[in-house]
Full PDB file with SEQRES, HELIX, SHEET, SSBOND, CRYST1, ORIGX, SCALE, CONECT and MASTER records, all heavy atoms in Angstrom:
SEQRES   1 A   30  LEU THR ALA PHE SER GLN ARG SER PHE GLU ARG THR ASP          
SEQRES   2 A   30  ALA GLN PRO VAL ALA LEU THR LEU PRO ALA GLY ARG THR          
SEQRES   3 A   30  VAL VAL PRO GLU                                              
HELIX    1 AA1 THR A    2  SER A    5  1                                   4    
CRYST1    1.000    1.000    1.000  90.00  90.00  90.00 P 1           1          
ORIGX1      1.000000  0.000000  0.000000        0.00000                         
ORIGX2      0.000000  1.000000  0.000000        0.00000                         
ORIGX3      0.000000  0.000000  1.000000        0.00000                         
SCALE1      1.000000  0.000000  0.000000        0.00000                         
SCALE2      0.000000  1.000000  0.000000        0.00000                         
SCALE3      0.000000  0.000000  1.000000        0.00000                         
ATOM      1  N   LEU A   1      -7.735   9.688 -17.380  1.00  0.00           N  
ATOM      2  CA  LEU A   1      -7.593   8.277 -17.723  1.00  0.00           C  
ATOM      3  C   LEU A   1      -6.821   8.088 -19.019  1.00  0.00           C  
ATOM      4  O   LEU A   1      -6.015   7.169 -19.160  1.00  0.00           O  
ATOM      5  CB  LEU A   1      -8.981   7.624 -17.836  1.00  0.00           C  
ATOM      6  CG  LEU A   1      -9.681   7.286 -16.519  1.00  0.00           C  
ATOM      7  CD1 LEU A   1     -11.118   6.859 -16.787  1.00  0.00           C  
ATOM      8  CD2 LEU A   1      -8.932   6.183 -15.780  1.00  0.00           C  
ATOM      9  N   THR A   2      -7.068   8.968 -19.985  1.00  0.00           N  
ATOM     10  CA  THR A   2      -6.351   8.892 -21.267  1.00  0.00           C  
ATOM     11  C   THR A   2      -4.860   9.102 -21.050  1.00  0.00           C  
ATOM     12  O   THR A   2      -4.025   8.350 -21.563  1.00  0.00           O  
ATOM     13  CB  THR A   2      -6.897   9.942 -22.255  1.00  0.00           C  
ATOM     14  OG1 THR A   2      -8.294   9.716 -22.440  1.00  0.00           O  
ATOM     15  CG2 THR A   2      -6.177   9.839 -23.586  1.00  0.00           C  
ATOM     16  N   ALA A   3      -4.512  10.132 -20.266  1.00  0.00           N  
ATOM     17  CA  ALA A   3      -3.099  10.394 -19.996  1.00  0.00           C  
ATOM     18  C   ALA A   3      -2.479   9.240 -19.233  1.00  0.00           C  
ATOM     19  O   ALA A   3      -1.338   8.829 -19.497  1.00  0.00           O  
ATOM     20  CB  ALA A   3      -2.974  11.696 -19.198  1.00  0.00           C  
ATOM     21  N   PHE A   4      -3.239   8.669 -18.279  1.00  0.00           N  
ATOM     22  CA  PHE A   4      -2.737   7.558 -17.477  1.00  0.00           C  
ATOM     23  C   PHE A   4      -2.470   6.330 -18.345  1.00  0.00           C  
ATOM     24  O   PHE A   4      -1.485   5.621 -18.150  1.00  0.00           O  
ATOM     25  CB  PHE A   4      -3.752   7.229 -16.377  1.00  0.00           C  
ATOM     26  CG  PHE A   4      -3.293   6.163 -15.417  1.00  0.00           C  
ATOM     27  CD1 PHE A   4      -2.454   6.479 -14.366  1.00  0.00           C  
ATOM     28  CD2 PHE A   4      -3.711   4.849 -15.559  1.00  0.00           C  
ATOM     29  CE1 PHE A   4      -2.041   5.511 -13.468  1.00  0.00           C  
ATOM     30  CE2 PHE A   4      -3.299   3.876 -14.674  1.00  0.00           C  
ATOM     31  CZ  PHE A   4      -2.453   4.205 -13.624  1.00  0.00           C  
ATOM     32  N   SER A   5      -3.350   6.091 -19.316  1.00  0.00           N  
ATOM     33  CA  SER A   5      -3.208   4.902 -20.167  1.00  0.00           C  
ATOM     34  C   SER A   5      -1.981   4.975 -21.057  1.00  0.00           C  
ATOM     35  O   SER A   5      -1.505   3.949 -21.559  1.00  0.00           O  
ATOM     36  CB  SER A   5      -4.465   4.733 -21.030  1.00  0.00           C  
ATOM     37  OG  SER A   5      -4.550   5.753 -22.004  1.00  0.00           O  
ATOM     38  N   GLN A   6      -1.460   6.176 -21.269  1.00  0.00           N  
ATOM     39  CA  GLN A   6      -0.293   6.337 -22.139  1.00  0.00           C  
ATOM     40  C   GLN A   6       1.025   6.190 -21.385  1.00  0.00           C  
ATOM     41  O   GLN A   6       2.093   6.273 -21.972  1.00  0.00           O  
ATOM     42  CB  GLN A   6      -0.367   7.710 -22.826  1.00  0.00           C  
ATOM     43  CG  GLN A   6      -1.538   7.807 -23.800  1.00  0.00           C  
ATOM     44  CD  GLN A   6      -1.767   9.214 -24.315  1.00  0.00           C  
ATOM     45  OE1 GLN A   6      -1.167  10.180 -23.837  1.00  0.00           O  
ATOM     46  NE2 GLN A   6      -2.630   9.354 -25.306  1.00  0.00           N  
ATOM     47  N   ARG A   7       0.935   5.982 -20.075  1.00  0.00           N  
ATOM     48  CA  ARG A   7       2.137   5.773 -19.280  1.00  0.00           C  
ATOM     49  C   ARG A   7       2.256   4.300 -18.897  1.00  0.00           C  
ATOM     50  O   ARG A   7       1.260   3.625 -18.699  1.00  0.00           O  
ATOM     51  CB  ARG A   7       2.088   6.606 -17.994  1.00  0.00           C  
ATOM     52  CG  ARG A   7       2.290   8.090 -18.210  1.00  0.00           C  
ATOM     53  CD  ARG A   7       2.502   8.776 -16.886  1.00  0.00           C  
ATOM     54  NE  ARG A   7       3.677   8.237 -16.207  1.00  0.00           N  
ATOM     55  CZ  ARG A   7       3.992   8.534 -14.940  1.00  0.00           C  
ATOM     56  NH1 ARG A   7       3.206   9.308 -14.240  1.00  0.00           N  
ATOM     57  NH2 ARG A   7       5.070   8.023 -14.391  1.00  0.00           N  
ATOM     58  N   SER A   8       3.484   3.837 -18.815  1.00  0.00           N  
ATOM     59  CA  SER A   8       3.718   2.474 -18.337  1.00  0.00           C  
ATOM     60  C   SER A   8       4.497   2.566 -17.025  1.00  0.00           C  
ATOM     61  O   SER A   8       5.414   3.376 -16.898  1.00  0.00           O  
ATOM     62  CB  SER A   8       4.513   1.656 -19.360  1.00  0.00           C  
ATOM     63  OG  SER A   8       5.762   2.266 -19.628  1.00  0.00           O  
ATOM     64  N   PHE A   9       4.113   1.768 -16.049  1.00  0.00           N  
ATOM     65  CA  PHE A   9       4.725   1.816 -14.734  1.00  0.00           C  
ATOM     66  C   PHE A   9       5.422   0.499 -14.435  1.00  0.00           C  
ATOM     67  O   PHE A   9       4.891  -0.575 -14.723  1.00  0.00           O  
ATOM     68  CB  PHE A   9       3.663   2.074 -13.659  1.00  0.00           C  
ATOM     69  CG  PHE A   9       2.982   3.406 -13.777  1.00  0.00           C  
ATOM     70  CD1 PHE A   9       1.797   3.535 -14.480  1.00  0.00           C  
ATOM     71  CD2 PHE A   9       3.523   4.531 -13.189  1.00  0.00           C  
ATOM     72  CE1 PHE A   9       1.165   4.752 -14.590  1.00  0.00           C  
ATOM     73  CE2 PHE A   9       2.897   5.761 -13.288  1.00  0.00           C  
ATOM     74  CZ  PHE A   9       1.715   5.876 -13.986  1.00  0.00           C  
ATOM     75  N   GLU A  10       6.602   0.593 -13.839  1.00  0.00           N  
ATOM     76  CA  GLU A  10       7.285  -0.595 -13.358  1.00  0.00           C  
ATOM     77  C   GLU A  10       6.703  -0.975 -12.003  1.00  0.00           C  
ATOM     78  O   GLU A  10       6.610  -0.144 -11.108  1.00  0.00           O  
ATOM     79  CB  GLU A  10       8.786  -0.326 -13.195  1.00  0.00           C  
ATOM     80  CG  GLU A  10       9.537  -0.141 -14.494  1.00  0.00           C  
ATOM     81  CD  GLU A  10      11.018   0.116 -14.254  1.00  0.00           C  
ATOM     82  OE1 GLU A  10      11.440   0.062 -13.070  1.00  0.00           O  
ATOM     83  OE2 GLU A  10      11.728   0.391 -15.223  1.00  0.00           O  
ATOM     84  N   ARG A  11       6.286  -2.227 -11.870  1.00  0.00           N  
ATOM     85  CA  ARG A  11       5.724  -2.704 -10.612  1.00  0.00           C  
ATOM     86  C   ARG A  11       6.781  -3.456  -9.817  1.00  0.00           C  
ATOM     87  O   ARG A  11       7.660  -4.106 -10.376  1.00  0.00           O  
ATOM     88  CB  ARG A  11       4.516  -3.613 -10.882  1.00  0.00           C  
ATOM     89  CG  ARG A  11       3.435  -2.960 -11.741  1.00  0.00           C  
ATOM     90  CD  ARG A  11       2.794  -1.772 -11.051  1.00  0.00           C  
ATOM     91  NE  ARG A  11       1.856  -1.073 -11.924  1.00  0.00           N  
ATOM     92  CZ  ARG A  11       1.134  -0.025 -11.545  1.00  0.00           C  
ATOM     93  NH1 ARG A  11       1.236   0.446 -10.312  1.00  0.00           N  
ATOM     94  NH2 ARG A  11       0.316   0.562 -12.393  1.00  0.00           N  
ATOM     95  N   THR A  12       6.685  -3.380  -8.506  1.00  0.00           N  
ATOM     96  CA  THR A  12       7.653  -4.043  -7.649  1.00  0.00           C  
ATOM     97  C   THR A  12       7.382  -5.538  -7.563  1.00  0.00           C  
ATOM     98  O   THR A  12       6.233  -5.989  -7.681  1.00  0.00           O  
ATOM     99  CB  THR A  12       7.626  -3.433  -6.236  1.00  0.00           C  
ATOM    100  OG1 THR A  12       8.605  -4.096  -5.433  1.00  0.00           O  
ATOM    101  CG2 THR A  12       6.258  -3.593  -5.587  1.00  0.00           C  
ATOM    102  N   ASP A  13       8.455  -6.297  -7.338  1.00  0.00           N  
ATOM    103  CA  ASP A  13       8.320  -7.726  -7.065  1.00  0.00           C  
ATOM    104  C   ASP A  13       8.157  -7.982  -5.564  1.00  0.00           C  
ATOM    105  O   ASP A  13       7.931  -9.117  -5.152  1.00  0.00           O  
ATOM    106  CB  ASP A  13       9.560  -8.481  -7.558  1.00  0.00           C  
ATOM    107  CG  ASP A  13       9.671  -8.446  -9.085  1.00  0.00           C  
ATOM    108  OD1 ASP A  13       8.619  -8.386  -9.747  1.00  0.00           O  
ATOM    109  OD2 ASP A  13      10.806  -8.466  -9.591  1.00  0.00           O  
ATOM    110  N   ALA A  14       8.288  -6.919  -4.762  1.00  0.00           N  
ATOM    111  CA  ALA A  14       8.192  -7.075  -3.306  1.00  0.00           C  
ATOM    112  C   ALA A  14       6.789  -7.517  -2.916  1.00  0.00           C  
ATOM    113  O   ALA A  14       5.796  -6.953  -3.367  1.00  0.00           O  
ATOM    114  CB  ALA A  14       8.537  -5.753  -2.615  1.00  0.00           C  
ATOM    115  N   GLN A  15       6.718  -8.535  -2.084  1.00  0.00           N  
ATOM    116  CA  GLN A  15       5.441  -9.105  -1.687  1.00  0.00           C  
ATOM    117  C   GLN A  15       4.784  -8.277  -0.585  1.00  0.00           C  
ATOM    118  O   GLN A  15       5.473  -7.631   0.217  1.00  0.00           O  
ATOM    119  CB  GLN A  15       5.636 -10.540  -1.193  1.00  0.00           C  
ATOM    120  CG  GLN A  15       6.130 -11.486  -2.273  1.00  0.00           C  
ATOM    121  CD  GLN A  15       5.169 -11.551  -3.449  1.00  0.00           C  
ATOM    122  OE1 GLN A  15       3.978 -11.821  -3.284  1.00  0.00           O  
ATOM    123  NE2 GLN A  15       5.677 -11.289  -4.652  1.00  0.00           N  
ATOM    124  N   PRO A  16       3.446  -8.287  -0.516  1.00  0.00           N  
ATOM    125  CA  PRO A  16       2.754  -7.597   0.586  1.00  0.00           C  
ATOM    126  C   PRO A  16       3.220  -8.119   1.943  1.00  0.00           C  
ATOM    127  O   PRO A  16       3.591  -9.288   2.078  1.00  0.00           O  
ATOM    128  CB  PRO A  16       1.279  -7.938   0.330  1.00  0.00           C  
ATOM    129  CG  PRO A  16       1.200  -8.246  -1.124  1.00  0.00           C  
ATOM    130  CD  PRO A  16       2.511  -8.898  -1.473  1.00  0.00           C  
ATOM    131  N   VAL A  17       3.212  -7.245   2.933  1.00  0.00           N  
ATOM    132  CA  VAL A  17       3.657  -7.592   4.286  1.00  0.00           C  
ATOM    133  C   VAL A  17       2.489  -7.429   5.247  1.00  0.00           C  
ATOM    134  O   VAL A  17       1.913  -6.346   5.354  1.00  0.00           O  
ATOM    135  CB  VAL A  17       4.835  -6.694   4.723  1.00  0.00           C  
ATOM    136  CG1 VAL A  17       5.167  -6.939   6.194  1.00  0.00           C  
ATOM    137  CG2 VAL A  17       6.052  -6.943   3.840  1.00  0.00           C  
ATOM    138  N   ALA A  18       2.131  -8.505   5.930  1.00  0.00           N  
ATOM    139  CA  ALA A  18       1.050  -8.457   6.918  1.00  0.00           C  
ATOM    140  C   ALA A  18       1.645  -8.203   8.297  1.00  0.00           C  
ATOM    141  O   ALA A  18       2.529  -8.937   8.744  1.00  0.00           O  
ATOM    142  CB  ALA A  18       0.271  -9.772   6.910  1.00  0.00           C  
ATOM    143  N   LEU A  19       1.182  -7.155   8.959  1.00  0.00           N  
ATOM    144  CA  LEU A  19       1.673  -6.799  10.279  1.00  0.00           C  
ATOM    145  C   LEU A  19       0.609  -7.074  11.341  1.00  0.00           C  
ATOM    146  O   LEU A  19      -0.589  -7.020  11.059  1.00  0.00           O  
ATOM    147  CB  LEU A  19       2.058  -5.321  10.325  1.00  0.00           C  
ATOM    148  CG  LEU A  19       3.180  -4.881   9.382  1.00  0.00           C  
ATOM    149  CD1 LEU A  19       3.458  -3.400   9.560  1.00  0.00           C  
ATOM    150  CD2 LEU A  19       4.444  -5.701   9.615  1.00  0.00           C  
ATOM    151  N   THR A  20       1.061  -7.344  12.556  1.00  0.00           N  
ATOM    152  CA  THR A  20       0.160  -7.512  13.692  1.00  0.00           C  
ATOM    153  C   THR A  20      -0.116  -6.149  14.301  1.00  0.00           C  
ATOM    154  O   THR A  20       0.812  -5.422  14.665  1.00  0.00           O  
ATOM    155  CB  THR A  20       0.787  -8.434  14.747  1.00  0.00           C  
ATOM    156  OG1 THR A  20       1.076  -9.700  14.146  1.00  0.00           O  
ATOM    157  CG2 THR A  20      -0.153  -8.629  15.916  1.00  0.00           C  
ATOM    158  N   LEU A  21      -1.396  -5.791  14.410  1.00  0.00           N  
ATOM    159  CA  LEU A  21      -1.783  -4.471  14.898  1.00  0.00           C  
ATOM    160  C   LEU A  21      -2.220  -4.531  16.355  1.00  0.00           C  
ATOM    161  O   LEU A  21      -2.722  -5.557  16.817  1.00  0.00           O  
ATOM    162  CB  LEU A  21      -2.925  -3.917  14.046  1.00  0.00           C  
ATOM    163  CG  LEU A  21      -2.626  -3.795  12.547  1.00  0.00           C  
ATOM    164  CD1 LEU A  21      -3.870  -3.337  11.796  1.00  0.00           C  
ATOM    165  CD2 LEU A  21      -1.477  -2.822  12.311  1.00  0.00           C  
ATOM    166  N   PRO A  22      -2.057  -3.414  17.092  1.00  0.00           N  
ATOM    167  CA  PRO A  22      -2.503  -3.393  18.496  1.00  0.00           C  
ATOM    168  C   PRO A  22      -4.007  -3.597  18.593  1.00  0.00           C  
ATOM    169  O   PRO A  22      -4.776  -3.045  17.799  1.00  0.00           O  
ATOM    170  CB  PRO A  22      -2.117  -1.981  18.963  1.00  0.00           C  
ATOM    171  CG  PRO A  22      -1.076  -1.517  17.998  1.00  0.00           C  
ATOM    172  CD  PRO A  22      -1.403  -2.155  16.693  1.00  0.00           C  
ATOM    173  N   ALA A  23      -4.444  -4.390  19.547  1.00  0.00           N  
ATOM    174  CA  ALA A  23      -5.867  -4.660  19.720  1.00  0.00           C  
ATOM    175  C   ALA A  23      -6.580  -3.443  20.309  1.00  0.00           C  
ATOM    176  O   ALA A  23      -6.025  -2.734  21.146  1.00  0.00           O  
ATOM    177  CB  ALA A  23      -6.063  -5.873  20.636  1.00  0.00           C  
ATOM    178  N   GLY A  24      -7.794  -3.212  19.831  1.00  0.00           N  
ATOM    179  CA  GLY A  24      -8.640  -2.192  20.424  1.00  0.00           C  
ATOM    180  C   GLY A  24      -8.287  -0.770  20.103  1.00  0.00           C  
ATOM    181  O   GLY A  24      -8.786   0.164  20.736  1.00  0.00           O  
ATOM    182  N   ARG A  25      -7.398  -0.550  19.142  1.00  0.00           N  
ATOM    183  CA  ARG A  25      -6.976   0.799  18.791  1.00  0.00           C  
ATOM    184  C   ARG A  25      -7.609   1.234  17.479  1.00  0.00           C  
ATOM    185  O   ARG A  25      -7.618   0.481  16.503  1.00  0.00           O  
ATOM    186  CB  ARG A  25      -5.464   0.876  18.624  1.00  0.00           C  
ATOM    187  CG  ARG A  25      -4.659   0.698  19.896  1.00  0.00           C  
ATOM    188  CD  ARG A  25      -4.681   1.929  20.761  1.00  0.00           C  
ATOM    189  NE  ARG A  25      -3.547   1.979  21.671  1.00  0.00           N  
ATOM    190  CZ  ARG A  25      -3.411   2.860  22.638  1.00  0.00           C  
ATOM    191  NH1 ARG A  25      -4.356   3.775  22.841  1.00  0.00           N  
ATOM    192  NH2 ARG A  25      -2.359   2.835  23.425  1.00  0.00           N  
ATOM    193  N   THR A  26      -8.126   2.452  17.433  1.00  0.00           N  
ATOM    194  CA  THR A  26      -8.490   3.097  16.166  1.00  0.00           C  
ATOM    195  C   THR A  26      -7.375   4.055  15.771  1.00  0.00           C  
ATOM    196  O   THR A  26      -6.861   4.003  14.656  1.00  0.00           O  
ATOM    197  CB  THR A  26      -9.821   3.861  16.288  1.00  0.00           C  
ATOM    198  OG1 THR A  26     -10.853   2.934  16.623  1.00  0.00           O  
ATOM    199  CG2 THR A  26     -10.176   4.536  14.976  1.00  0.00           C  
ATOM    200  N   VAL A  27      -7.004   4.937  16.705  1.00  0.00           N  
ATOM    201  CA  VAL A  27      -5.830   5.786  16.533  1.00  0.00           C  
ATOM    202  C   VAL A  27      -4.678   5.114  17.277  1.00  0.00           C  
ATOM    203  O   VAL A  27      -4.763   4.868  18.481  1.00  0.00           O  
ATOM    204  CB  VAL A  27      -6.069   7.202  17.091  1.00  0.00           C  
ATOM    205  CG1 VAL A  27      -4.812   8.055  16.933  1.00  0.00           C  
ATOM    206  CG2 VAL A  27      -7.251   7.856  16.395  1.00  0.00           C  
ATOM    207  N   VAL A  28      -3.627   4.788  16.549  1.00  0.00           N  
ATOM    208  CA  VAL A  28      -2.467   4.121  17.156  1.00  0.00           C  
ATOM    209  C   VAL A  28      -1.402   5.185  17.409  1.00  0.00           C  
ATOM    210  O   VAL A  28      -0.891   5.788  16.464  1.00  0.00           O  
ATOM    211  CB  VAL A  28      -1.903   3.022  16.237  1.00  0.00           C  
ATOM    212  CG1 VAL A  28      -0.744   2.290  16.920  1.00  0.00           C  
ATOM    213  CG2 VAL A  28      -3.007   2.030  15.855  1.00  0.00           C  
ATOM    214  N   PRO A  29      -1.065   5.479  18.672  1.00  0.00           N  
ATOM    215  CA  PRO A  29      -0.106   6.546  18.961  1.00  0.00           C  
ATOM    216  C   PRO A  29       1.288   6.218  18.454  1.00  0.00           C  
ATOM    217  O   PRO A  29       1.589   5.085  18.079  1.00  0.00           O  
ATOM    218  CB  PRO A  29      -0.157   6.662  20.489  1.00  0.00           C  
ATOM    219  CG  PRO A  29      -0.656   5.345  20.963  1.00  0.00           C  
ATOM    220  CD  PRO A  29      -1.569   4.829  19.890  1.00  0.00           C  
ATOM    221  N   GLU A  30       2.130   7.236  18.512  1.00  0.00           N  
ATOM    222  CA  GLU A  30       3.454   7.151  17.893  1.00  0.00           C  
ATOM    223  C   GLU A  30       4.263   5.949  18.346  1.00  0.00           C  
ATOM    224  O   GLU A  30       4.827   5.214  17.528  1.00  0.00           O  
ATOM    225  CB  GLU A  30       4.226   8.447  18.183  1.00  0.00           C  
ATOM    226  CG  GLU A  30       5.631   8.454  17.643  1.00  0.00           C  
ATOM    227  CD  GLU A  30       6.413   9.695  18.046  1.00  0.00           C  
ATOM    228  OE1 GLU A  30       5.879  10.516  18.830  1.00  0.00           O  
ATOM    229  OE2 GLU A  30       7.557   9.837  17.592  1.00  0.00           O  
TER     230      GLU A  30                                                      
MASTER        0    0    0    1    0    0    0    6  229    1    0    3          
END                                                                             
């Protein structure tokens, strides 16, 4: 945590993307 606090990261302006997922799938094939 100490090492992490000493770094600064550039964050993206790209917005989250919501996708429609197949119904009834836990493992989604290729």
